[in-house]
Structures are given as structure tokens and as C-alpha cells.
Amino acid sequence: RSVMADVLDLQWRLPRTWAVVLGLGCEPWLARRVASLSRRLG
């Protein structure tokens, strides 16, 4: 449930960060942490 929430957030709410992830330019776990930190935001 946690990993699904993170990847959905990255795809639909953090598209610029997700683009860096897809380009292998950063650690995926770090992008997931950002998704979790920002989940409560509109």
C-alpha cells in the first residue's frame, strides 16, 4: 500500500520529480520519501 501510494503520487502529483526518477538520475527511495512528505498537500 505504501509503495503504491508513493508511485501514484510521483506520477500524478510530482511529475517533474518522476521524470528524474525515470531517467535514473536519482535514488527512487528518495523520491518516494518526498512523495510521502508531501502527501497531505493539495
ModelCIF file with pLDDT and N, C-alpha, C, O atoms, coordinates in Angstrom:
data_MODEL
#
_entry.id   MODEL 
#
_entity.id                         1 
_entity.type                       polymer 
_entity.pdbx_number_of_molecules   1 
#
_entity_poly.entity_id                      1 
_entity_poly.type                           'polypeptide(L)' 
_entity_poly.nstd_linkage                   no 
_entity_poly.nstd_monomer                   no 
_entity_poly.pdbx_seq_one_letter_code       RSVMADVLDLQWRLPRTWAVVLGLGCEPWLARRVASLSRRLG 
_entity_poly.pdbx_seq_one_letter_code_can   RSVMADVLDLQWRLPRTWAVVLGLGCEPWLARRVASLSRRLG 
_entity_poly.pdbx_strand_id                 A 
#
loop_
_entity_poly_seq.entity_id 
_entity_poly_seq.num 
_entity_poly_seq.mon_id 
_entity_poly_seq.hetero 
1 1  ARG n 
1 2  SER n 
1 3  VAL n 
1 4  MET n 
1 5  ALA n 
1 6  ASP n 
1 7  VAL n 
1 8  LEU n 
1 9  ASP n 
1 10 LEU n 
1 11 GLN n 
1 12 TRP n 
1 13 ARG n 
1 14 LEU n 
1 15 PRO n 
1 16 ARG n 
1 17 THR n 
1 18 TRP n 
1 19 ALA n 
1 20 VAL n 
1 21 VAL n 
1 22 LEU n 
1 23 GLY n 
1 24 LEU n 
1 25 GLY n 
1 26 CYS n 
1 27 GLU n 
1 28 PRO n 
1 29 TRP n 
1 30 LEU n 
1 31 ALA n 
1 32 ARG n 
1 33 ARG n 
1 34 VAL n 
1 35 ALA n 
1 36 SER n 
1 37 LEU n 
1 38 SER n 
1 39 ARG n 
1 40 ARG n 
1 41 LEU n 
1 42 GLY n 
#
_struct_asym.id          A 
_struct_asym.entity_id   1 
#
loop_
_ma_qa_metric.id 
_ma_qa_metric.mode 
_ma_qa_metric.name 
_ma_qa_metric.software_group_id 
_ma_qa_metric.type 
1 global pLDDT . pLDDT 
2 local  pLDDT . pLDDT 
#
_ma_qa_metric_global.metric_id      1 
_ma_qa_metric_global.metric_value   96.43 
_ma_qa_metric_global.model_id       1 
_ma_qa_metric_global.ordinal_id     1 
#
loop_
_ma_qa_metric_local.label_asym_id 
_ma_qa_metric_local.label_comp_id 
_ma_qa_metric_local.label_seq_id 
_ma_qa_metric_local.metric_id 
_ma_qa_metric_local.metric_value 
_ma_qa_metric_local.model_id 
_ma_qa_metric_local.ordinal_id 
A ARG 1  2 96.00 1 1  
A SER 2  2 96.00 1 2  
A VAL 3  2 98.00 1 3  
A MET 4  2 98.00 1 4  
A ALA 5  2 97.00 1 5  
A ASP 6  2 98.00 1 6  
A VAL 7  2 98.00 1 7  
A LEU 8  2 98.00 1 8  
A ASP 9  2 98.00 1 9  
A LEU 10 2 98.00 1 10 
A GLN 11 2 97.00 1 11 
A TRP 12 2 97.00 1 12 
A ARG 13 2 97.00 1 13 
A LEU 14 2 97.00 1 14 
A PRO 15 2 97.00 1 15 
A ARG 16 2 97.00 1 16 
A THR 17 2 97.00 1 17 
A TRP 18 2 97.00 1 18 
A ALA 19 2 97.00 1 19 
A VAL 20 2 96.00 1 20 
A VAL 21 2 97.00 1 21 
A LEU 22 2 97.00 1 22 
A GLY 23 2 96.00 1 23 
A LEU 24 2 96.00 1 24 
A GLY 25 2 94.00 1 25 
A CYS 26 2 95.00 1 26 
A GLU 27 2 95.00 1 27 
A PRO 28 2 97.00 1 28 
A TRP 29 2 97.00 1 29 
A LEU 30 2 97.00 1 30 
A ALA 31 2 97.00 1 31 
A ARG 32 2 97.00 1 32 
A ARG 33 2 97.00 1 33 
A VAL 34 2 97.00 1 34 
A ALA 35 2 97.00 1 35 
A SER 36 2 96.00 1 36 
A LEU 37 2 94.00 1 37 
A SER 38 2 95.00 1 38 
A ARG 39 2 95.00 1 39 
A ARG 40 2 92.00 1 40 
A LEU 41 2 94.00 1 41 
A GLY 42 2 94.00 1 42 
#
loop_
_atom_site.group_PDB 
_atom_site.id 
_atom_site.type_symbol 
_atom_site.label_atom_id 
_atom_site.label_alt_id 
_atom_site.label_comp_id 
_atom_site.label_asym_id 
_atom_site.label_entity_id 
_atom_site.label_seq_id 
_atom_site.pdbx_PDB_ins_code 
_atom_site.Cartn_x 
_atom_site.Cartn_y 
_atom_site.Cartn_z 
_atom_site.occupancy 
_atom_site.B_iso_or_equiv 
_atom_site.pdbx_formal_charge 
_atom_site.auth_seq_id 
_atom_site.auth_comp_id 
_atom_site.auth_asym_id 
_atom_site.auth_atom_id 
_atom_site.pdbx_PDB_model_num 
ATOM 1   N N  . ARG A 1 1  ? 0.835  -1.205 0.000   1.00 96.00 ? 1  ARG A N  1 
ATOM 2   C CA . ARG A 1 1  ? 0.000  0.000  0.000   1.00 96.00 ? 1  ARG A CA 1 
ATOM 3   C C  . ARG A 1 1  ? 0.869  1.254  0.000   1.00 96.00 ? 1  ARG A C  1 
ATOM 4   O O  . ARG A 1 1  ? 0.556  2.234  -0.676  1.00 96.00 ? 1  ARG A O  1 
ATOM 5   N N  . SER A 1 2  ? 1.966  1.218  0.764   1.00 96.00 ? 2  SER A N  1 
ATOM 6   C CA . SER A 1 2  ? 2.854  2.366  0.845   1.00 96.00 ? 2  SER A CA 1 
ATOM 7   C C  . SER A 1 2  ? 3.551  2.650  -0.483  1.00 96.00 ? 2  SER A C  1 
ATOM 8   O O  . SER A 1 2  ? 3.596  3.796  -0.930  1.00 96.00 ? 2  SER A O  1 
ATOM 9   N N  . VAL A 1 3  ? 4.093  1.611  -1.113  1.00 98.00 ? 3  VAL A N  1 
ATOM 10  C CA . VAL A 1 3  ? 4.810  1.828  -2.370  1.00 98.00 ? 3  VAL A CA 1 
ATOM 11  C C  . VAL A 1 3  ? 3.844  2.248  -3.466  1.00 98.00 ? 3  VAL A C  1 
ATOM 12  O O  . VAL A 1 3  ? 4.204  3.045  -4.333  1.00 98.00 ? 3  VAL A O  1 
ATOM 13  N N  . MET A 1 4  ? 2.610  1.719  -3.441  1.00 98.00 ? 4  MET A N  1 
ATOM 14  C CA . MET A 1 4  ? 1.630  2.126  -4.453  1.00 98.00 ? 4  MET A CA 1 
ATOM 15  C C  . MET A 1 4  ? 1.245  3.586  -4.262  1.00 98.00 ? 4  MET A C  1 
ATOM 16  O O  . MET A 1 4  ? 1.117  4.325  -5.239  1.00 98.00 ? 4  MET A O  1 
ATOM 17  N N  . ALA A 1 5  ? 1.060  4.009  -3.017  1.00 97.00 ? 5  ALA A N  1 
ATOM 18  C CA . ALA A 1 5  ? 0.744  5.415  -2.759  1.00 97.00 ? 5  ALA A CA 1 
ATOM 19  C C  . ALA A 1 5  ? 1.860  6.317  -3.261  1.00 97.00 ? 5  ALA A C  1 
ATOM 20  O O  . ALA A 1 5  ? 1.597  7.365  -3.851  1.00 97.00 ? 5  ALA A O  1 
ATOM 21  N N  . ASP A 1 6  ? 3.108  5.914  -3.029  1.00 98.00 ? 6  ASP A N  1 
ATOM 22  C CA . ASP A 1 6  ? 4.244  6.742  -3.442  1.00 98.00 ? 6  ASP A CA 1 
ATOM 23  C C  . ASP A 1 6  ? 4.337  6.865  -4.955  1.00 98.00 ? 6  ASP A C  1 
ATOM 24  O O  . ASP A 1 6  ? 4.523  7.962  -5.482  1.00 98.00 ? 6  ASP A O  1 
ATOM 25  N N  . VAL A 1 7  ? 4.208  5.741  -5.655  1.00 98.00 ? 7  VAL A N  1 
ATOM 26  C CA . VAL A 1 7  ? 4.372  5.806  -7.110  1.00 98.00 ? 7  VAL A CA 1 
ATOM 27  C C  . VAL A 1 7  ? 3.207  6.548  -7.756  1.00 98.00 ? 7  VAL A C  1 
ATOM 28  O O  . VAL A 1 7  ? 3.403  7.246  -8.751  1.00 98.00 ? 7  VAL A O  1 
ATOM 29  N N  . LEU A 1 8  ? 1.999  6.410  -7.210  1.00 98.00 ? 8  LEU A N  1 
ATOM 30  C CA . LEU A 1 8  ? 0.873  7.179  -7.748  1.00 98.00 ? 8  LEU A CA 1 
ATOM 31  C C  . LEU A 1 8  ? 1.076  8.672  -7.520  1.00 98.00 ? 8  LEU A C  1 
ATOM 32  O O  . LEU A 1 8  ? 0.780  9.487  -8.394  1.00 98.00 ? 8  LEU A O  1 
ATOM 33  N N  . ASP A 1 9  ? 1.583  9.026  -6.341  1.00 98.00 ? 9  ASP A N  1 
ATOM 34  C CA . ASP A 1 9  ? 1.875  10.440 -6.081  1.00 98.00 ? 9  ASP A CA 1 
ATOM 35  C C  . ASP A 1 9  ? 2.925  10.977 -7.049  1.00 98.00 ? 9  ASP A C  1 
ATOM 36  O O  . ASP A 1 9  ? 2.793  12.084 -7.571  1.00 98.00 ? 9  ASP A O  1 
ATOM 37  N N  . LEU A 1 10 ? 3.963  10.185 -7.283  1.00 98.00 ? 10 LEU A N  1 
ATOM 38  C CA . LEU A 1 10 ? 5.017  10.639 -8.186  1.00 98.00 ? 10 LEU A CA 1 
ATOM 39  C C  . LEU A 1 10 ? 4.472  10.840 -9.602  1.00 98.00 ? 10 LEU A C  1 
ATOM 40  O O  . LEU A 1 10 ? 4.799  11.825 -10.264 1.00 98.00 ? 10 LEU A O  1 
ATOM 41  N N  . GLN A 1 11 ? 3.647  9.911  -10.057 1.00 97.00 ? 11 GLN A N  1 
ATOM 42  C CA . GLN A 1 11 ? 3.129  10.007 -11.421 1.00 97.00 ? 11 GLN A CA 1 
ATOM 43  C C  . GLN A 1 11 ? 2.140  11.164 -11.594 1.00 97.00 ? 11 GLN A C  1 
ATOM 44  O O  . GLN A 1 11 ? 2.176  11.875 -12.598 1.00 97.00 ? 11 GLN A O  1 
ATOM 45  N N  . TRP A 1 12 ? 1.258  11.344 -10.604 1.00 97.00 ? 12 TRP A N  1 
ATOM 46  C CA . TRP A 1 12 ? 0.142  12.269 -10.780 1.00 97.00 ? 12 TRP A CA 1 
ATOM 47  C C  . TRP A 1 12 ? 0.317  13.607 -10.064 1.00 97.00 ? 12 TRP A C  1 
ATOM 48  O O  . TRP A 1 12 ? -0.360 14.578 -10.404 1.00 97.00 ? 12 TRP A O  1 
ATOM 49  N N  . ARG A 1 13 ? 1.211  13.673 -9.081  1.00 97.00 ? 13 ARG A N  1 
ATOM 50  C CA . ARG A 1 13 ? 1.343  14.905 -8.296  1.00 97.00 ? 13 ARG A CA 1 
ATOM 51  C C  . ARG A 1 13 ? 2.738  15.520 -8.388  1.00 97.00 ? 13 ARG A C  1 
ATOM 52  O O  . ARG A 1 13 ? 2.901  16.727 -8.209  1.00 97.00 ? 13 ARG A O  1 
ATOM 53  N N  . LEU A 1 14 ? 3.740  14.691 -8.666  1.00 97.00 ? 14 LEU A N  1 
ATOM 54  C CA . LEU A 1 14 ? 5.130  15.168 -8.717  1.00 97.00 ? 14 LEU A CA 1 
ATOM 55  C C  . LEU A 1 14 ? 5.749  14.766 -10.053 1.00 97.00 ? 14 LEU A C  1 
ATOM 56  O O  . LEU A 1 14 ? 6.750  14.049 -10.064 1.00 97.00 ? 14 LEU A O  1 
ATOM 57  N N  . PRO A 1 15 ? 5.185  15.207 -11.178 1.00 97.00 ? 15 PRO A N  1 
ATOM 58  C CA . PRO A 1 15 ? 5.653  14.727 -12.489 1.00 97.00 ? 15 PRO A CA 1 
ATOM 59  C C  . PRO A 1 15 ? 7.090  15.121 -12.810 1.00 97.00 ? 15 PRO A C  1 
ATOM 60  O O  . PRO A 1 15 ? 7.790  14.355 -13.473 1.00 97.00 ? 15 PRO A O  1 
ATOM 61  N N  . ARG A 1 16 ? 7.556  16.286 -12.365 1.00 97.00 ? 16 ARG A N  1 
ATOM 62  C CA . ARG A 1 16 ? 8.943  16.681 -12.641 1.00 97.00 ? 16 ARG A CA 1 
ATOM 63  C C  . ARG A 1 16 ? 9.912  15.767 -11.903 1.00 97.00 ? 16 ARG A C  1 
ATOM 64  O O  . ARG A 1 16 ? 10.919 15.332 -12.463 1.00 97.00 ? 16 ARG A O  1 
ATOM 65  N N  . THR A 1 17 ? 9.605  15.486 -10.665 1.00 97.00 ? 17 THR A N  1 
ATOM 66  C CA . THR A 1 17 ? 10.463 14.574 -9.894  1.00 97.00 ? 17 THR A CA 1 
ATOM 67  C C  . THR A 1 17 ? 10.403 13.173 -10.484 1.00 97.00 ? 17 THR A C  1 
ATOM 68  O O  . THR A 1 17 ? 11.423 12.485 -10.542 1.00 97.00 ? 17 THR A O  1 
ATOM 69  N N  . TRP A 1 18 ? 9.225  12.738 -10.922 1.00 97.00 ? 18 TRP A N  1 
ATOM 70  C CA . TRP A 1 18 ? 9.076  11.417 -11.525 1.00 97.00 ? 18 TRP A CA 1 
ATOM 71  C C  . TRP A 1 18 ? 9.889  11.306 -12.808 1.00 97.00 ? 18 TRP A C  1 
ATOM 72  O O  . TRP A 1 18 ? 10.407 10.234 -13.121 1.00 97.00 ? 18 TRP A O  1 
ATOM 73  N N  . ALA A 1 19 ? 10.007 12.388 -13.543 1.00 97.00 ? 19 ALA A N  1 
ATOM 74  C CA . ALA A 1 19 ? 10.812 12.366 -14.767 1.00 97.00 ? 19 ALA A CA 1 
ATOM 75  C C  . ALA A 1 19 ? 12.279 12.107 -14.444 1.00 97.00 ? 19 ALA A C  1 
ATOM 76  O O  . ALA A 1 19 ? 12.962 11.390 -15.176 1.00 97.00 ? 19 ALA A O  1 
ATOM 77  N N  . VAL A 1 20 ? 12.770 12.694 -13.335 1.00 96.00 ? 20 VAL A N  1 
ATOM 78  C CA . VAL A 1 20 ? 14.150 12.442 -12.921 1.00 96.00 ? 20 VAL A CA 1 
ATOM 79  C C  . VAL A 1 20 ? 14.318 10.979 -12.527 1.00 96.00 ? 20 VAL A C  1 
ATOM 80  O O  . VAL A 1 20 ? 15.339 10.362 -12.829 1.00 96.00 ? 20 VAL A O  1 
ATOM 81  N N  . VAL A 1 21 ? 13.311 10.429 -11.852 1.00 97.00 ? 21 VAL A N  1 
ATOM 82  C CA . VAL A 1 21 ? 13.364 9.017  -11.461 1.00 97.00 ? 21 VAL A CA 1 
ATOM 83  C C  . VAL A 1 21 ? 13.428 8.131  -12.698 1.00 97.00 ? 21 VAL A C  1 
ATOM 84  O O  . VAL A 1 21 ? 14.258 7.224  -12.767 1.00 97.00 ? 21 VAL A O  1 
ATOM 85  N N  . LEU A 1 22 ? 12.567 8.382  -13.672 1.00 97.00 ? 22 LEU A N  1 
ATOM 86  C CA . LEU A 1 22 ? 12.546 7.569  -14.885 1.00 97.00 ? 22 LEU A CA 1 
ATOM 87  C C  . LEU A 1 22 ? 13.857 7.663  -15.655 1.00 97.00 ? 22 LEU A C  1 
ATOM 88  O O  . LEU A 1 22 ? 14.261 6.711  -16.323 1.00 97.00 ? 22 LEU A O  1 
ATOM 89  N N  . GLY A 1 23 ? 14.523 8.817  -15.561 1.00 96.00 ? 23 GLY A N  1 
ATOM 90  C CA . GLY A 1 23 ? 15.819 8.988  -16.233 1.00 96.00 ? 23 GLY A CA 1 
ATOM 91  C C  . GLY A 1 23 ? 16.972 8.424  -15.439 1.00 96.00 ? 23 GLY A C  1 
ATOM 92  O O  . GLY A 1 23 ? 18.127 8.599  -15.826 1.00 96.00 ? 23 GLY A O  1 
ATOM 93  N N  . LEU A 1 24 ? 16.686 7.746  -14.327 1.00 96.00 ? 24 LEU A N  1 
ATOM 94  C CA . LEU A 1 24 ? 17.695 7.115  -13.467 1.00 96.00 ? 24 LEU A CA 1 
ATOM 95  C C  . LEU A 1 24 ? 18.660 8.143  -12.897 1.00 96.00 ? 24 LEU A C  1 
ATOM 96  O O  . LEU A 1 24 ? 19.812 7.827  -12.598 1.00 96.00 ? 24 LEU A O  1 
ATOM 97  N N  . GLY A 1 25 ? 18.177 9.396  -12.745 1.00 94.00 ? 25 GLY A N  1 
ATOM 98  C CA . GLY A 1 25 ? 19.042 10.454 -12.250 1.00 94.00 ? 25 GLY A CA 1 
ATOM 99  C C  . GLY A 1 25 ? 19.063 10.600 -10.747 1.00 94.00 ? 25 GLY A C  1 
ATOM 100 O O  . GLY A 1 25 ? 19.802 11.440 -10.234 1.00 94.00 ? 25 GLY A O  1 
ATOM 101 N N  . CYS A 1 26 ? 18.272 9.809  -10.007 1.00 95.00 ? 26 CYS A N  1 
ATOM 102 C CA . CYS A 1 26 ? 18.252 9.904  -8.545  1.00 95.00 ? 26 CYS A CA 1 
ATOM 103 C C  . CYS A 1 26 ? 17.869 8.561  -7.960  1.00 95.00 ? 26 CYS A C  1 
ATOM 104 O O  . CYS A 1 26 ? 17.485 7.637  -8.676  1.00 95.00 ? 26 CYS A O  1 
ATOM 105 N N  . GLU A 1 27 ? 17.981 8.471  -6.656  1.00 95.00 ? 27 GLU A N  1 
ATOM 106 C CA . GLU A 1 27 ? 17.591 7.246  -5.968  1.00 95.00 ? 27 GLU A CA 1 
ATOM 107 C C  . GLU A 1 27 ? 16.065 7.187  -5.861  1.00 95.00 ? 27 GLU A C  1 
ATOM 108 O O  . GLU A 1 27 ? 15.454 8.125  -5.348  1.00 95.00 ? 27 GLU A O  1 
ATOM 109 N N  . PRO A 1 28 ? 15.437 6.105  -6.334  1.00 97.00 ? 28 PRO A N  1 
ATOM 110 C CA . PRO A 1 28 ? 13.978 6.007  -6.239  1.00 97.00 ? 28 PRO A CA 1 
ATOM 111 C C  . PRO A 1 28 ? 13.451 6.099  -4.813  1.00 97.00 ? 28 PRO A C  1 
ATOM 112 O O  . PRO A 1 28 ? 12.374 6.649  -4.585  1.00 97.00 ? 28 PRO A O  1 
ATOM 113 N N  . TRP A 1 29 ? 14.206 5.562  -3.848  1.00 97.00 ? 29 TRP A N  1 
ATOM 114 C CA . TRP A 1 29 ? 13.724 5.619  -2.463  1.00 97.00 ? 29 TRP A CA 1 
ATOM 115 C C  . TRP A 1 29 ? 13.622 7.059  -1.976  1.00 97.00 ? 29 TRP A C  1 
ATOM 116 O O  . TRP A 1 29 ? 12.744 7.388  -1.179  1.00 97.00 ? 29 TRP A O  1 
ATOM 117 N N  . LEU A 1 30 ? 14.522 7.918  -2.455  1.00 97.00 ? 30 LEU A N  1 
ATOM 118 C CA . LEU A 1 30 ? 14.499 9.318  -2.041  1.00 97.00 ? 30 LEU A CA 1 
ATOM 119 C C  . LEU A 1 30 ? 13.276 10.032 -2.613  1.00 97.00 ? 30 LEU A C  1 
ATOM 120 O O  . LEU A 1 30 ? 12.640 10.836 -1.931  1.00 97.00 ? 30 LEU A O  1 
ATOM 121 N N  . ALA A 1 31 ? 12.957 9.734  -3.855  1.00 97.00 ? 31 ALA A N  1 
ATOM 122 C CA . ALA A 1 31 ? 11.753 10.318 -4.457  1.00 97.00 ? 31 ALA A CA 1 
ATOM 123 C C  . ALA A 1 31 ? 10.505 9.845  -3.717  1.00 97.00 ? 31 ALA A C  1 
ATOM 124 O O  . ALA A 1 31 ? 9.555  10.609 -3.544  1.00 97.00 ? 31 ALA A O  1 
ATOM 125 N N  . ARG A 1 32 ? 10.507 8.594  -3.284  1.00 97.00 ? 32 ARG A N  1 
ATOM 126 C CA . ARG A 1 32 ? 9.365  8.072  -2.515  1.00 97.00 ? 32 ARG A CA 1 
ATOM 127 C C  . ARG A 1 32 ? 9.217  8.822  -1.194  1.00 97.00 ? 32 ARG A C  1 
ATOM 128 O O  . ARG A 1 32 ? 8.098  9.093  -0.758  1.00 97.00 ? 32 ARG A O  1 
ATOM 129 N N  . ARG A 1 33 ? 10.327 9.155  -0.559  1.00 97.00 ? 33 ARG A N  1 
ATOM 130 C CA . ARG A 1 33 ? 10.267 9.908  0.699   1.00 97.00 ? 33 ARG A CA 1 
ATOM 131 C C  . ARG A 1 33 ? 9.628  11.277 0.469   1.00 97.00 ? 33 ARG A C  1 
ATOM 132 O O  . ARG A 1 33 ? 8.832  11.742 1.285   1.00 97.00 ? 33 ARG A O  1 
ATOM 133 N N  . VAL A 1 34 ? 9.977  11.908 -0.631  1.00 97.00 ? 34 VAL A N  1 
ATOM 134 C CA . VAL A 1 34 ? 9.390  13.206 -0.949  1.00 97.00 ? 34 VAL A CA 1 
ATOM 135 C C  . VAL A 1 34 ? 7.887  13.060 -1.169  1.00 97.00 ? 34 VAL A C  1 
ATOM 136 O O  . VAL A 1 34 ? 7.107  13.896 -0.712  1.00 97.00 ? 34 VAL A O  1 
ATOM 137 N N  . ALA A 1 35 ? 7.481  12.005 -1.865  1.00 97.00 ? 35 ALA A N  1 
ATOM 138 C CA . ALA A 1 35 ? 6.057  11.773 -2.087  1.00 97.00 ? 35 ALA A CA 1 
ATOM 139 C C  . ALA A 1 35 ? 5.321  11.603 -0.768  1.00 97.00 ? 35 ALA A C  1 
ATOM 140 O O  . ALA A 1 35 ? 4.222  12.128 -0.591  1.00 97.00 ? 35 ALA A O  1 
ATOM 141 N N  . SER A 1 36 ? 5.913  10.885 0.134   1.00 96.00 ? 36 SER A N  1 
ATOM 142 C CA . SER A 1 36 ? 5.280  10.668 1.447   1.00 96.00 ? 36 SER A CA 1 
ATOM 143 C C  . SER A 1 36 ? 5.196  11.964 2.244   1.00 96.00 ? 36 SER A C  1 
ATOM 144 O O  . SER A 1 36 ? 4.177  12.249 2.873   1.00 96.00 ? 36 SER A O  1 
ATOM 145 N N  . LEU A 1 37 ? 6.282  12.755 2.214   1.00 94.00 ? 37 LEU A N  1 
ATOM 146 C CA . LEU A 1 37 ? 6.301  14.019 2.957   1.00 94.00 ? 37 LEU A CA 1 
ATOM 147 C C  . LEU A 1 37 ? 5.224  14.986 2.475   1.00 94.00 ? 37 LEU A C  1 
ATOM 148 O O  . LEU A 1 37 ? 4.672  15.750 3.267   1.00 94.00 ? 37 LEU A O  1 
ATOM 149 N N  . SER A 1 38 ? 4.929  14.954 1.193   1.00 95.00 ? 38 SER A N  1 
ATOM 150 C CA . SER A 1 38 ? 4.025  15.950 0.612   1.00 95.00 ? 38 SER A CA 1 
ATOM 151 C C  . SER A 1 38 ? 2.613  15.427 0.403   1.00 95.00 ? 38 SER A C  1 
ATOM 152 O O  . SER A 1 38 ? 1.801  16.105 -0.226  1.00 95.00 ? 38 SER A O  1 
ATOM 153 N N  . ARG A 1 39 ? 2.300  14.248 0.907   1.00 95.00 ? 39 ARG A N  1 
ATOM 154 C CA . ARG A 1 39 ? 1.005  13.621 0.592   1.00 95.00 ? 39 ARG A CA 1 
ATOM 155 C C  . ARG A 1 39 ? -0.179 14.424 1.091   1.00 95.00 ? 39 ARG A C  1 
ATOM 156 O O  . ARG A 1 39 ? -1.241 14.388 0.470   1.00 95.00 ? 39 ARG A O  1 
ATOM 157 N N  . ARG A 1 40 ? -0.033 15.144 2.185   1.00 92.00 ? 40 ARG A N  1 
ATOM 158 C CA . ARG A 1 40 ? -1.171 15.875 2.737   1.00 92.00 ? 40 ARG A CA 1 
ATOM 159 C C  . ARG A 1 40 ? -1.472 17.164 1.987   1.00 92.00 ? 40 ARG A C  1 
ATOM 160 O O  . ARG A 1 40 ? -2.529 17.763 2.185   1.00 92.00 ? 40 ARG A O  1 
ATOM 161 N N  . LEU A 1 41 ? -0.574 17.587 1.145   1.00 94.00 ? 41 LEU A N  1 
ATOM 162 C CA . LEU A 1 41 ? -0.799 18.828 0.414   1.00 94.00 ? 41 LEU A CA 1 
ATOM 163 C C  . LEU A 1 41 ? -1.838 18.639 -0.678  1.00 94.00 ? 41 LEU A C  1 
ATOM 164 O O  . LEU A 1 41 ? -2.011 17.537 -1.199  1.00 94.00 ? 41 LEU A O  1 
ATOM 165 N N  . GLY A 1 42 ? -2.532 19.724 -1.024  1.00 94.00 ? 42 GLY A N  1 
ATOM 166 C CA . GLY A 1 42 ? -3.467 19.687 -2.132  1.00 94.00 ? 42 GLY A CA 1 
ATOM 167 C C  . GLY A 1 42 ? -2.733 19.594 -3.450  1.00 94.00 ? 42 GLY A C  1 
ATOM 168 O O  . GLY A 1 42 ? -3.363 19.551 -4.507  1.00 94.00 ? 42 GLY A O  1 
#
